[in-house]
Protein backbone atom coordinates (compact mmCIF):
# COMPACT_ATOMS: atom_id res chain seq x y z
CA UNK A 1 160.77 74.25 156.98
CA UNK A 2 158.34 76.56 155.15
CA UNK A 3 155.53 75.71 157.57
CA UNK A 4 157.45 77.61 160.26
CA UNK A 5 157.48 80.86 158.26
CA UNK A 6 154.81 83.53 157.82
CA UNK A 7 153.12 85.38 160.67
CA UNK A 8 153.82 83.31 163.78
CA UNK A 9 151.42 84.10 166.63
CA UNK A 10 152.31 83.13 170.19
CA UNK A 11 149.68 84.33 172.62
CA UNK A 12 149.29 88.00 171.69
CA UNK A 13 152.80 88.35 170.25
CA UNK A 14 153.40 88.27 166.50
CA UNK A 15 156.65 87.51 164.67
CA UNK A 16 156.95 87.69 160.90
CA UNK A 17 159.37 85.35 159.11
CA UNK A 18 160.15 85.44 155.40
CA UNK A 19 162.65 82.99 153.90
CA UNK A 20 164.49 83.43 150.60
CA UNK A 21 166.91 80.79 149.27
CA UNK A 22 170.43 81.57 148.13
CA UNK A 23 172.53 79.11 146.14
CA UNK A 24 175.66 80.95 147.26
CA UNK A 25 174.82 79.80 150.80
CA UNK A 26 173.39 76.39 149.83
CA UNK A 27 174.20 75.36 146.23
CA UNK A 28 171.51 72.67 146.35
CA UNK A 29 168.71 75.24 146.58
CA UNK A 30 168.58 76.05 142.88
CA UNK A 31 170.52 75.81 139.64
CA UNK A 32 168.34 78.22 137.68
CA UNK A 33 167.42 81.54 139.22
CA UNK A 34 169.06 84.48 140.87
CA UNK A 35 169.11 86.82 143.83
CA UNK A 36 165.97 88.72 144.87
CA UNK A 37 168.06 91.93 145.25
CA UNK A 38 166.01 93.25 148.14
CA UNK A 39 167.15 96.37 149.95
CA UNK A 40 164.40 96.70 152.56
CA UNK A 41 161.16 95.06 153.68
CA UNK A 42 158.54 96.76 155.81
CA UNK A 43 155.33 95.24 157.12
CA UNK A 44 152.29 97.38 156.44
CA UNK A 45 148.87 96.44 157.76
CA UNK A 46 145.83 97.23 159.85
CA UNK A 47 147.66 96.31 163.06
CA UNK A 48 149.77 99.49 163.06
CA UNK A 49 147.19 101.57 164.87
CA UNK A 50 147.39 99.15 167.82
CA UNK A 51 151.12 99.94 167.99
CA UNK A 52 150.59 103.70 168.03
CA UNK A 53 150.98 104.33 164.31
CA UNK A 54 148.63 104.72 161.38
CA UNK A 55 147.27 101.61 159.69
CA UNK A 56 149.02 100.81 156.39
CA UNK A 57 151.26 103.87 156.68
CA UNK A 58 154.87 103.44 155.54
CA UNK A 59 156.29 105.74 158.22
CA UNK A 60 155.16 103.53 161.12
CA UNK A 61 155.54 100.18 159.35
CA UNK A 62 157.97 97.87 161.21
CA UNK A 63 161.13 96.98 159.30
CA UNK A 64 162.33 93.40 158.92
CA UNK A 65 165.88 92.34 159.70
CA UNK A 66 167.88 90.12 157.35
CA UNK A 67 169.64 87.23 159.07
CA UNK A 68 171.64 84.23 157.89
CA UNK A 69 169.84 80.91 157.36
CA UNK A 70 171.43 77.53 156.50
CA UNK A 71 169.70 77.59 153.10
CA UNK A 72 169.72 81.31 152.36
CA UNK A 73 168.40 84.32 154.27
CA UNK A 74 165.63 84.89 156.78
CA UNK A 75 163.94 88.26 157.07
CA UNK A 76 162.15 88.56 160.40
CA UNK A 77 160.50 91.01 162.73
CA UNK A 78 158.78 90.68 166.10
CA UNK A 79 156.21 93.38 166.82
CA UNK A 80 157.24 95.50 169.82
CA UNK A 81 153.89 95.19 171.62
CA UNK A 82 151.24 92.55 172.07
CA UNK A 83 148.13 92.93 169.94
CA UNK A 84 144.50 92.76 171.04
CA UNK A 85 142.50 89.78 169.84
CA UNK A 86 141.27 90.05 166.28
CA UNK A 87 141.78 89.37 162.58
CA UNK A 88 144.55 91.47 161.04
CA UNK A 89 145.66 91.97 157.45
CA UNK A 90 149.14 92.85 156.25
CA UNK A 91 151.44 93.02 153.27
CA UNK A 92 155.16 93.20 152.72
CA UNK A 93 156.31 96.48 151.21
CA UNK A 94 159.53 95.56 149.43
CA UNK A 95 162.13 98.01 148.17
CA UNK A 96 164.65 96.57 145.73
CA UNK A 97 168.25 97.57 145.00
CA UNK A 98 167.16 99.58 141.95
CA UNK A 99 164.83 101.58 144.27
CA UNK A 100 161.63 100.18 142.79
CA UNK A 101 159.07 98.90 145.28
CA UNK A 102 156.13 96.53 145.44
CA UNK A 103 153.31 95.44 147.72
CA UNK A 104 153.60 91.64 148.05
CA UNK A 105 151.67 89.07 150.04
CA UNK A 106 153.31 86.58 152.39
CA UNK A 107 154.04 83.24 150.62
CA UNK A 108 153.47 81.35 153.88
CA UNK A 109 150.42 83.16 155.21
CA UNK A 110 147.83 80.97 156.91
CA UNK A 111 144.99 83.40 156.18
CA UNK A 112 143.89 85.19 153.04
CA UNK A 113 142.82 88.81 152.98
CA UNK A 114 139.30 90.13 152.63
CA UNK A 115 139.92 92.34 149.59
CA UNK A 116 139.91 89.78 146.80
CA UNK A 117 142.55 87.79 148.64
CA UNK A 118 145.07 90.53 147.89
CA UNK A 119 146.41 90.64 151.43
CA UNK A 120 147.94 88.25 153.91
CA UNK A 121 146.42 87.95 157.36
CA UNK A 122 146.82 86.52 160.83
CA UNK A 123 144.60 86.00 163.85
CA UNK A 124 145.25 86.82 167.49
CA UNK A 125 142.92 84.93 169.80
CA UNK A 126 139.74 83.47 168.38
CA UNK A 127 138.48 79.94 168.81
CA UNK A 128 140.87 77.03 168.71
CA UNK A 129 140.48 73.38 167.82
CA UNK A 130 142.72 70.37 167.49
CA UNK A 131 141.83 68.03 164.66
CA UNK A 132 141.38 64.42 165.70
CA UNK A 133 142.36 61.70 163.25
CA UNK A 134 139.69 59.36 161.95
CA UNK A 135 139.29 56.41 164.31
CA UNK A 136 139.89 53.76 161.65
CA UNK A 137 141.39 54.82 158.33
CA UNK A 138 140.26 52.36 155.70
CA UNK A 139 142.45 51.02 152.89
CA UNK A 140 141.81 52.99 149.69
CA UNK A 141 139.94 50.18 147.91
CA UNK A 142 137.28 50.36 150.64
CA UNK A 143 136.51 54.02 150.00
CA UNK A 144 133.56 55.49 148.16
CA UNK A 145 134.67 59.03 147.40
CA UNK A 146 132.36 62.01 146.98
CA UNK A 147 133.91 64.81 144.92
CA UNK A 148 132.60 68.01 146.52
CA UNK A 149 132.89 71.55 145.16
CA UNK A 150 132.37 73.77 148.22
CA UNK A 151 130.76 76.70 146.39
CA UNK A 152 128.37 74.60 144.31
CA UNK A 153 127.49 72.13 147.05
CA UNK A 154 126.35 74.85 149.49
CA UNK A 155 125.05 77.55 147.11
CA UNK A 156 121.34 76.86 147.67
CA UNK A 157 121.27 76.53 151.44
CA UNK A 158 124.14 78.40 153.10
CA UNK A 159 122.09 81.59 153.56
CA UNK A 160 125.00 83.96 154.19
CA UNK A 161 126.98 81.52 156.32
CA UNK A 162 130.53 80.53 155.62
CA UNK A 163 130.33 77.70 153.04
CA UNK A 164 132.51 75.46 155.21
CA UNK A 165 129.97 75.86 158.03
CA UNK A 166 127.05 75.06 155.72
CA UNK A 167 128.51 71.67 154.81
CA UNK A 168 127.65 70.49 158.34
CA UNK A 169 123.99 70.56 157.29
CA UNK A 170 124.55 67.73 154.82
CA UNK A 171 126.70 65.33 156.83
CA UNK A 172 123.67 63.21 157.74
CA UNK A 173 122.73 63.17 154.06
CA UNK A 174 126.19 61.92 153.05
CA UNK A 175 126.10 59.23 155.72
CA UNK A 176 122.64 58.17 154.52
CA UNK A 177 123.94 57.96 150.94
CA UNK A 178 126.74 55.72 152.19
CA UNK A 179 129.89 57.52 151.06
CA UNK A 180 132.79 57.23 153.48
CA UNK A 181 135.20 59.78 152.01
CA UNK A 182 135.02 63.30 150.60
CA UNK A 183 137.47 64.62 148.05
CA UNK A 184 137.19 68.38 148.40
CA UNK A 185 137.97 70.37 145.28
CA UNK A 186 140.68 72.95 146.08
CA UNK A 187 140.14 75.03 149.19
CA UNK A 188 143.51 76.79 149.01
CA UNK A 189 143.24 80.50 148.26
CA UNK A 190 143.21 81.92 144.75
CA UNK A 191 143.69 85.60 143.82
CA UNK A 192 140.71 87.83 143.24
CA UNK A 193 137.11 87.52 144.38
CA UNK A 194 135.79 85.85 141.21
CA UNK A 195 134.29 82.38 141.06
CA UNK A 196 136.90 79.68 140.65
CA UNK A 197 137.22 75.94 140.85
CA UNK A 198 140.41 76.65 142.80
CA UNK A 199 142.89 75.33 140.25
CA UNK A 200 144.66 78.72 140.10
CA UNK A 201 146.11 78.97 143.64
CA UNK A 202 148.60 81.47 144.99
CA UNK A 203 148.45 81.15 148.81
CA UNK A 204 149.24 77.51 149.44
CA UNK A 205 149.02 77.51 153.25
CA UNK A 206 145.76 79.50 153.36
CA UNK A 207 142.10 78.55 152.99
CA UNK A 208 140.07 80.54 150.47
CA UNK A 209 138.77 83.54 152.43
CA UNK A 210 135.14 83.28 151.28
CA UNK A 211 134.93 79.65 152.34
CA UNK A 212 135.63 80.36 156.01
CA UNK A 213 134.55 83.96 156.62
CA UNK A 214 131.67 84.90 158.89
CA UNK A 215 131.11 88.57 159.68
CA UNK A 216 129.99 87.74 163.22
CA UNK A 217 133.20 85.83 164.01
CA UNK A 218 136.00 87.25 161.86
CA UNK A 219 138.78 85.57 163.86
CA UNK A 220 137.35 82.05 163.45
CA UNK A 221 138.50 81.01 160.00
CA UNK A 222 140.77 77.99 159.81
CA UNK A 223 139.01 76.98 163.02
CA UNK A 224 135.94 76.37 160.86
CA UNK A 225 137.77 73.95 158.59
CA UNK A 226 139.16 72.11 161.60
CA UNK A 227 135.64 71.82 163.02
CA UNK A 228 134.39 70.38 159.74
CA UNK A 229 137.18 67.81 159.51
CA UNK A 230 136.47 66.74 163.10
CA UNK A 231 132.75 66.43 162.39
CA UNK A 232 133.39 64.29 159.31
CA UNK A 233 135.94 62.12 161.10
CA UNK A 234 133.47 61.53 163.93
CA UNK A 235 131.02 60.10 161.36
CA UNK A 236 133.66 57.88 159.77
CA UNK A 237 134.07 60.04 156.68
CA UNK A 238 137.63 60.37 155.37
CA UNK A 239 138.81 63.80 154.21
CA UNK A 240 140.96 64.17 151.10
CA UNK A 241 142.08 67.54 149.75
CA UNK A 242 142.65 68.40 146.11
CA UNK A 243 146.15 69.88 145.86
CA UNK A 244 147.30 71.94 142.89
CA UNK A 245 151.09 71.69 142.81
CA UNK A 246 151.99 71.79 139.13
CA UNK A 247 151.26 75.45 138.55
CA UNK A 248 150.47 78.71 140.27
CA UNK A 249 148.76 82.00 139.45
CA UNK A 250 151.75 84.33 139.33
CA UNK A 251 149.60 87.00 137.71
CA UNK A 252 150.49 90.32 136.14
CA UNK A 253 149.97 92.25 139.37
CA UNK A 254 152.24 91.68 142.41
CA UNK A 255 149.30 92.57 144.66
CA UNK A 256 147.49 89.43 143.51
CA UNK A 257 150.19 87.03 142.38
CA UNK A 258 152.31 84.26 143.83
CA UNK A 259 154.66 86.01 146.29
CA UNK A 260 157.75 83.95 145.51
CA UNK A 261 157.54 85.26 141.96
CA UNK A 262 157.21 88.94 142.86
CA UNK A 263 159.75 88.91 145.71
CA UNK A 264 162.47 89.08 143.06
CA UNK A 265 163.50 92.39 141.56
CA UNK A 266 163.38 90.62 138.21
CA UNK A 267 160.56 88.06 138.64
CA UNK A 268 162.00 85.99 135.80
CA UNK A 269 164.88 85.14 138.15
CA UNK A 270 162.61 83.51 140.72
CA UNK A 271 163.87 79.93 141.17
CA UNK A 272 160.37 78.77 142.08
CA UNK A 273 158.80 79.44 138.68
CA UNK A 274 159.96 77.99 135.37
CA UNK A 275 159.41 75.25 132.83
CA UNK A 276 159.70 71.72 134.17
CA UNK A 277 157.76 69.06 132.25
CA UNK A 278 154.44 69.24 130.37
CA UNK A 279 152.73 72.31 131.76
CA UNK A 280 150.16 74.44 130.03
CA UNK A 281 148.23 76.14 132.84
CA UNK A 282 149.28 79.46 134.35
CA UNK A 283 152.92 79.53 135.51
CA UNK A 284 154.70 76.26 136.25
CA UNK A 285 156.61 75.32 139.35
CA UNK A 286 160.24 74.55 138.58
CA UNK A 287 160.96 71.24 140.29
CA UNK A 288 164.48 71.27 138.91
CA UNK A 289 165.19 73.48 141.93
CA UNK A 290 165.30 72.07 145.45
CA UNK A 291 163.67 75.17 146.96
CA UNK A 292 160.51 74.45 144.96
CA UNK A 293 160.50 70.77 145.93
CA UNK A 294 160.88 71.73 149.60
CA UNK A 295 158.16 74.38 149.44
CA UNK A 296 155.52 72.04 148.01
CA UNK A 297 156.62 69.18 150.29
CA UNK A 298 156.15 71.41 153.34
CA UNK A 299 152.76 72.58 152.06
CA UNK A 300 151.66 68.93 151.92
CA UNK A 301 153.06 68.21 155.38
CA UNK A 302 151.20 71.22 156.76
CA UNK A 303 147.78 70.08 155.53
CA UNK A 304 148.30 66.43 156.36
CA UNK A 305 149.62 67.14 159.87
CA UNK A 306 147.59 70.15 160.99
CA UNK A 307 144.28 68.83 159.67
CA UNK A 308 144.95 65.09 160.02
CA UNK A 309 143.86 64.58 156.43
CA UNK A 310 143.38 61.11 155.04
CA UNK A 311 144.91 61.84 151.67
CA UNK A 312 145.72 64.26 148.87
CA UNK A 313 144.59 64.21 145.26
CA UNK A 314 147.38 65.71 143.13
CA UNK A 315 146.06 67.72 140.20
CA UNK A 316 147.62 67.53 136.71
CA UNK A 317 150.65 65.44 137.61
CA UNK A 318 151.63 65.15 133.97
CA UNK A 319 153.05 68.64 134.47
CA UNK A 320 155.48 67.68 137.25
CA UNK A 321 156.30 64.07 136.52
CA UNK A 322 159.81 63.33 135.25
CA UNK A 323 159.88 59.63 134.32
CA UNK A 324 163.67 59.69 134.10
CA UNK A 325 164.36 61.19 137.51
CA UNK A 326 162.79 59.84 140.69
CA UNK A 327 164.31 62.65 142.77
CA UNK A 328 162.26 65.46 141.24
CA UNK A 329 158.62 66.43 141.00
CA UNK A 330 155.70 64.26 141.99
CA UNK A 331 157.74 61.05 142.39
CA UNK A 332 160.00 62.58 145.04
CA UNK A 333 157.02 64.34 146.62
CA UNK A 334 155.14 61.07 147.07
CA UNK A 335 158.27 59.40 148.47
CA UNK A 336 158.75 62.22 151.00
CA UNK A 337 155.11 62.10 152.10
CA UNK A 338 155.18 58.32 152.52
CA UNK A 339 158.31 58.56 154.67
CA UNK A 340 156.73 61.34 156.73
CA UNK A 341 153.50 59.38 157.24
CA UNK A 342 155.41 56.22 158.14
CA UNK A 343 157.40 58.08 160.79
CA UNK A 344 154.08 59.10 162.37
CA UNK A 345 152.62 55.61 162.14
CA UNK A 346 149.83 56.78 159.85
CA UNK A 347 148.63 54.06 157.49
CA UNK A 348 146.36 54.11 154.44
CA UNK A 349 146.90 57.79 153.64
CA UNK A 350 145.68 57.97 150.03
CA UNK A 351 147.98 59.69 147.52
CA UNK A 352 145.87 59.98 144.37
CA UNK A 353 147.15 61.40 141.08
CA UNK A 354 145.31 62.91 138.14
CA UNK A 355 147.64 62.00 135.29
CA UNK A 356 145.78 62.84 132.09
CA UNK A 357 147.32 62.52 128.65
CA UNK A 358 146.31 61.81 125.05
CA UNK A 359 147.10 58.18 125.78
CA UNK A 360 144.58 57.51 128.52
CA UNK A 361 146.33 54.34 129.68
CA UNK A 362 149.68 56.11 130.12
CA UNK A 363 148.45 57.08 133.58
CA UNK A 364 148.67 53.49 134.80
CA UNK A 365 152.37 53.17 134.01
CA UNK A 366 153.06 56.60 135.51
CA UNK A 367 151.13 55.83 138.71
CA UNK A 368 153.07 52.61 139.14
CA UNK A 369 156.43 54.33 138.65
CA UNK A 370 155.69 57.29 140.89
CA UNK A 371 154.38 54.88 143.58
CA UNK A 372 151.02 56.61 143.89
CA UNK A 373 148.19 54.93 145.77
CA UNK A 374 145.74 55.43 142.91
CA UNK A 375 145.15 57.47 139.80
CA UNK A 376 142.10 58.85 138.05
CA UNK A 377 140.95 56.47 135.30
CA UNK A 378 139.26 58.63 132.66
CA UNK A 379 138.48 55.78 130.21
CA UNK A 380 135.80 54.49 132.60
CA UNK A 381 133.97 57.82 132.38
CA UNK A 382 134.36 58.35 128.63
CA UNK A 383 133.09 54.88 127.74
CA UNK A 384 130.28 54.95 130.30
CA UNK A 385 128.99 58.25 128.96
CA UNK A 386 129.20 57.02 125.37
CA UNK A 387 127.22 53.88 126.23
CA UNK A 388 124.60 56.00 128.01
CA UNK A 389 124.25 58.15 124.88
CA UNK A 390 123.91 55.34 122.35
CA UNK A 391 122.48 52.42 124.35
CA UNK A 392 124.95 49.97 122.84
CA UNK A 393 128.21 48.56 124.16
CA UNK A 394 131.29 46.94 122.66
CA UNK A 395 134.21 44.80 123.75
CA UNK A 396 136.05 47.88 125.09
CA UNK A 397 133.70 47.67 128.05
CA UNK A 398 135.50 44.56 129.29
CA UNK A 399 138.76 46.50 129.62
CA UNK A 400 136.96 49.31 131.41
CA UNK A 401 135.28 46.99 133.89
CA UNK A 402 138.62 45.29 134.51
CA UNK A 403 139.83 48.68 135.68
CA UNK A 404 142.57 47.34 137.96
CA UNK A 405 144.38 45.62 135.09
CA UNK A 406 148.06 46.65 134.73
CA UNK A 407 148.14 48.43 138.09
CA UNK A 408 150.94 47.22 140.34
CA UNK A 409 149.97 45.37 143.55
CA UNK A 410 148.63 47.81 146.12
CA UNK A 411 147.71 50.42 143.50
CA UNK A 412 144.35 50.98 141.92
CA UNK A 413 142.31 53.21 139.63
CA UNK A 414 139.86 55.86 140.74
CA UNK A 415 136.78 55.04 138.68
CA UNK A 416 133.89 57.42 137.99
CA UNK A 417 131.21 58.12 135.42
CA UNK A 418 131.37 61.90 135.82
CA UNK A 419 133.60 64.51 137.46
CA UNK A 420 133.91 68.27 137.81
CA UNK A 421 135.75 68.63 134.51
CA UNK A 422 132.97 67.29 132.25
CA UNK A 423 129.24 67.29 131.66
CA UNK A 424 127.17 65.16 133.99
CA UNK A 425 126.27 61.67 132.82
CA UNK A 426 122.56 62.60 132.86
CA UNK A 427 123.35 65.40 130.41
CA UNK A 428 125.33 63.02 128.20
CA UNK A 429 122.45 60.53 128.26
CA UNK A 430 120.09 63.16 126.84
CA UNK A 431 118.90 65.03 129.91
CA UNK A 432 116.87 64.13 132.96
CA UNK A 433 114.04 62.69 130.85
CA UNK A 434 116.54 59.96 130.00
CA UNK A 435 117.82 59.46 133.56
CA UNK A 436 117.21 55.70 133.36
CA UNK A 437 119.97 55.38 130.73
CA UNK A 438 122.50 56.15 133.50
CA UNK A 439 121.50 53.13 135.61
CA UNK A 440 123.82 50.65 133.81
CA UNK A 441 126.78 52.94 134.42
CA UNK A 442 125.91 53.15 138.11
CA UNK A 443 125.65 49.36 138.44
CA UNK A 444 128.96 48.85 136.60
CA UNK A 445 130.72 51.50 138.66
CA UNK A 446 129.78 50.02 142.02
CA UNK A 447 130.46 46.39 141.07
CA UNK A 448 133.82 46.68 139.26
CA UNK A 449 137.34 47.01 140.73
CA UNK A 450 138.70 50.37 141.78
CA UNK A 451 138.38 53.23 144.21
CA UNK A 452 134.88 54.55 143.48
CA UNK A 453 134.13 58.26 143.10
CA UNK A 454 130.82 60.08 142.74
CA UNK A 455 130.64 63.71 141.67
CA UNK A 456 128.39 65.90 143.84
CA UNK A 457 124.84 65.83 142.51
CA UNK A 458 125.39 62.70 140.43
CA UNK A 459 123.47 60.69 143.00
CA UNK A 460 120.22 62.52 142.24
CA UNK A 461 120.77 63.23 138.56
CA UNK A 462 121.81 66.87 138.48
CA UNK A 463 121.98 67.96 134.85
CA UNK A 464 124.79 70.23 133.64
CA UNK A 465 126.48 70.46 130.26
CA UNK A 466 130.05 71.70 129.93
CA UNK A 467 132.00 72.53 126.77
CA UNK A 468 134.92 70.21 126.11
CA UNK A 469 137.41 73.05 126.40
CA UNK A 470 137.73 76.83 126.16
CA UNK A 471 135.45 79.48 127.59
CA UNK A 472 132.47 78.58 129.75
CA UNK A 473 134.02 75.64 131.55
CA UNK A 474 134.80 77.19 134.92
CA UNK A 475 131.36 78.37 135.94
CA UNK A 476 129.04 77.90 138.92
CA UNK A 477 127.01 74.68 138.89
CA UNK A 478 124.97 74.94 142.11
CA UNK A 479 123.42 71.67 143.18
CA UNK A 480 119.65 71.61 142.72
CA UNK A 481 118.67 70.21 146.08
CA UNK A 482 114.97 70.42 145.23
CA UNK A 483 115.61 67.66 142.65
CA UNK A 484 116.62 65.39 145.49
CA UNK A 485 113.87 66.36 147.89
CA UNK A 486 110.87 66.82 145.58
CA UNK A 487 111.51 64.94 142.36
CA UNK A 488 110.77 61.28 141.52
CA UNK A 489 113.91 60.96 139.39
CA UNK A 490 116.12 62.41 142.10
CA UNK A 491 114.67 60.13 144.75
CA UNK A 492 114.86 57.10 142.47
CA UNK A 493 118.51 57.65 141.52
CA UNK A 494 119.47 58.39 145.12
CA UNK A 495 117.90 55.12 146.19
CA UNK A 496 119.76 53.20 143.48
CA UNK A 497 123.14 54.69 144.43
CA UNK A 498 122.40 54.17 148.11
CA UNK A 499 121.61 50.49 147.52
CA UNK A 500 124.61 49.89 145.26
CA UNK A 501 126.98 51.53 147.74
CA UNK A 502 125.58 49.41 150.56
CA UNK A 503 126.05 46.23 148.49
CA UNK A 504 129.64 47.15 147.71
CA UNK A 505 130.51 48.08 151.30
CA UNK A 506 129.00 44.83 152.60
CA UNK A 507 130.92 42.58 150.22
CA UNK A 508 134.72 42.85 150.10
CA UNK A 509 134.86 40.72 146.94
CA UNK A 510 133.40 43.65 144.99
CA UNK A 511 136.32 45.71 146.23
CA UNK A 512 138.93 43.14 145.20
CA UNK A 513 141.02 43.02 142.04
CA UNK A 514 139.46 39.74 140.83
CA UNK A 515 137.52 40.07 137.59
CA UNK A 516 136.58 37.86 134.63
CA UNK A 517 136.53 37.93 131.56
CA UNK A 518 139.12 40.04 129.77
CA UNK A 519 137.51 39.20 126.42
CA UNK A 520 134.33 37.51 125.26
CA UNK A 521 134.23 33.99 126.64
CA UNK A 522 132.61 30.99 124.89
CA UNK A 523 130.70 30.12 128.06
CA UNK A 524 128.71 33.35 127.73
CA UNK A 525 130.69 35.81 129.85
CA UNK A 526 131.44 39.17 128.26
CA UNK A 527 129.45 41.37 125.87
CA UNK A 528 126.29 39.76 124.47
CA UNK A 529 124.73 41.18 121.28
CA UNK A 530 126.32 44.60 121.90
CA UNK A 531 123.69 45.23 124.56
CA UNK A 532 124.30 43.13 127.67
CA UNK A 533 127.46 42.42 129.66
CA UNK A 534 127.99 39.49 132.04
CA UNK A 535 131.03 39.39 134.31
CA UNK A 536 132.30 37.49 137.32
CA UNK A 537 133.79 38.74 140.60
CA UNK A 538 135.20 36.23 143.09
CA UNK A 539 137.53 35.69 146.04
CA UNK A 540 137.75 35.09 149.78
CA UNK A 541 136.07 37.42 152.24
CA UNK A 542 137.65 38.60 155.51
CA UNK A 543 136.65 35.29 157.15
CA UNK A 544 138.21 33.17 154.44
CA UNK A 545 134.92 32.16 152.83
CA UNK A 546 134.98 31.90 149.05
CA UNK A 547 132.35 34.12 147.46
CA UNK A 548 131.16 34.63 143.93
CA UNK A 549 129.32 37.39 142.11
CA UNK A 550 127.77 37.26 138.66
CA UNK A 551 126.82 40.72 137.40
CA UNK A 552 124.49 41.17 134.43
CA UNK A 553 123.86 44.65 132.98
CA UNK A 554 121.59 45.56 130.07
CA UNK A 555 122.73 48.81 128.46
CA UNK A 556 119.97 48.90 125.84
CA UNK A 557 116.58 50.62 125.82
CA UNK A 558 114.70 47.34 125.44
CA UNK A 559 114.47 44.14 127.46
CA UNK A 560 116.94 41.44 126.44
CA UNK A 561 116.56 37.69 126.81
CA UNK A 562 119.81 35.81 127.42
CA UNK A 563 121.21 32.68 129.01
CA UNK A 564 123.22 33.64 132.09
CA UNK A 565 126.34 31.57 132.85
CA UNK A 566 127.25 30.83 136.48
CA UNK A 567 130.44 29.65 138.14
CA UNK A 568 128.55 27.35 140.49
CA UNK A 569 125.22 25.64 140.94
CA UNK A 570 122.77 26.13 143.78
CA UNK A 571 120.98 29.11 145.26
CA UNK A 572 122.11 32.57 144.15
CA UNK A 573 120.83 35.79 145.75
CA UNK A 574 120.05 38.68 143.41
CA UNK A 575 121.03 41.55 145.71
CA UNK A 576 119.90 44.26 143.30
CA UNK A 577 116.35 42.96 142.89
CA UNK A 578 115.92 41.30 146.29
CA UNK A 579 115.12 37.86 144.98
CA UNK A 580 116.82 34.47 144.56
CA UNK A 581 117.28 31.93 141.75
CA UNK A 582 118.32 28.29 141.83
CA UNK A 583 120.97 27.43 139.25
CA UNK A 584 121.47 24.02 137.63
CA UNK A 585 123.95 23.02 134.93
CA UNK A 586 125.74 26.32 135.51
CA UNK A 587 123.05 28.28 133.65
CA UNK A 588 119.86 30.23 133.99
CA UNK A 589 118.13 29.98 130.64
CA UNK A 590 115.95 32.51 128.81
CA UNK A 591 116.33 35.24 131.39
CA UNK A 592 114.67 38.55 130.59
CA UNK A 593 116.80 41.51 131.68
CA UNK A 594 114.83 44.79 131.79
CA UNK A 595 116.09 47.74 129.77
CA UNK A 596 118.86 49.79 131.38
CA UNK A 597 118.89 47.50 134.37
CA UNK A 598 120.61 44.39 135.65
CA UNK A 599 121.16 41.75 138.28
CA UNK A 600 123.81 41.30 140.96
CA UNK A 601 123.97 37.63 141.85
CA UNK A 602 125.83 36.57 145.00
CA UNK A 603 126.73 33.16 146.43
CA UNK A 604 128.71 32.04 149.48
CA UNK A 605 130.82 28.90 149.22
CA UNK A 606 128.54 27.22 151.79
CA UNK A 607 125.49 27.56 149.56
């Protein structure tokens, strides 16, 4: 429903549609909230001159007409004349019953404004593109995600171009690395022109203005994002957006805040905003009310349908998860999206949740109950970074490596050793002079169960420290591309990640759930001397052949000599070191494992 509102452009004709719910018309719309008490709405913008008036002037601003809608009221207005091609900005000028007035943006605008995103906008003409779906959407366990922050990723090479355009420069690089999916940090618009990670949105149907603006082609904005998605799909790279649907930046200024808050004479009576579950960031969406549930559902449908996205990562789901009610919040949202995707015949659309709590394993139970595809698995990162710092491991590592444990069939963890919210693993290991201490974490990440995620710059050892909380967290971290192109460490780490990704993609057993042991085993599997781990991956490949892997990882700063247990005799290929060993009596004895390194042994059933 909401995707049909906003500034609707047909050819050169523009119609504005603004919906407001009313529980007197449809009692299901909300139980908490009230009437907006609007007397008049006029549309003021820089299109008025084209209609014979003065831009932004109240006297010549077209008035909207209030009409009945099955769920409330629809204010609409069709401009009397066609407009020339171009990019136009506008705002609703709302007069309330108490004769106060406000400038308010359009809650369903497809374009943000140029002045710190304060305005809404629309485009007449400009370039057009239809997004093509990826030719073969892989099941989530086959993905290697690349978490990409658009500002930081392009900062060093965009040279005045729209950041979305600059990403094209690195598609070959991403293909060479081997990733087959990108999880874009939020691209939806936030208020103001300050740097942001995007987790403070207010225009949910619009792309952040700075990401898609080019002075030479002001009308080609969302067109740029469509071009990028097409280019990635053509190279077999899945596109997943980061959606922030727990909270919103309502703000203290109606010029810059969430419109469905300020469209009410008393903003506290907005049914869209209010306490729901465990919030804590900005203003919360009130999923007790159906109008909120419908709004966010339609936002998701818009991005998935218009841009043929391959998934959504849902930020901070602990804030809109009600474990006692499957018909509210994220659980109902996932159910609605799955039904919608099924009706279109679209399979393997990844619905990933970030469900963080003090109990880090609570996320598994929540992901199972809300029927998510996958959820972020923070324990993998925390333990991996601790091991990189201290060079010693413990039995907790076995639970981390067995990341898929307790997930329901068809659901899996998203595993990572760093993400946008924390310091890089190189920083945690002691800086780039200690880059080698991150190698065990890389080997473990790419050989254990889960949906793998790399954070941009991790693959060449970018080094950033972030405070655990408070001030200084949301700051620019531009990728140092010279580290990749000119530095031994950057090249070395890139080569390691590239090789590990290729090994994983070539061997479906590494993407399976099968893992052993869950605790130290008397045969020698598990943690050895708090320094080395040995674990087993196994199963049938796509051709029904039984395959085995034995992975050995030394987390210490010195070589370790151990006996390596094997699940079968015969020839085993060490894929990491490009060599082979012949096993007898289910053992290789007195094997020296170099510091911060390992082996990835592989055997087919025919060997």
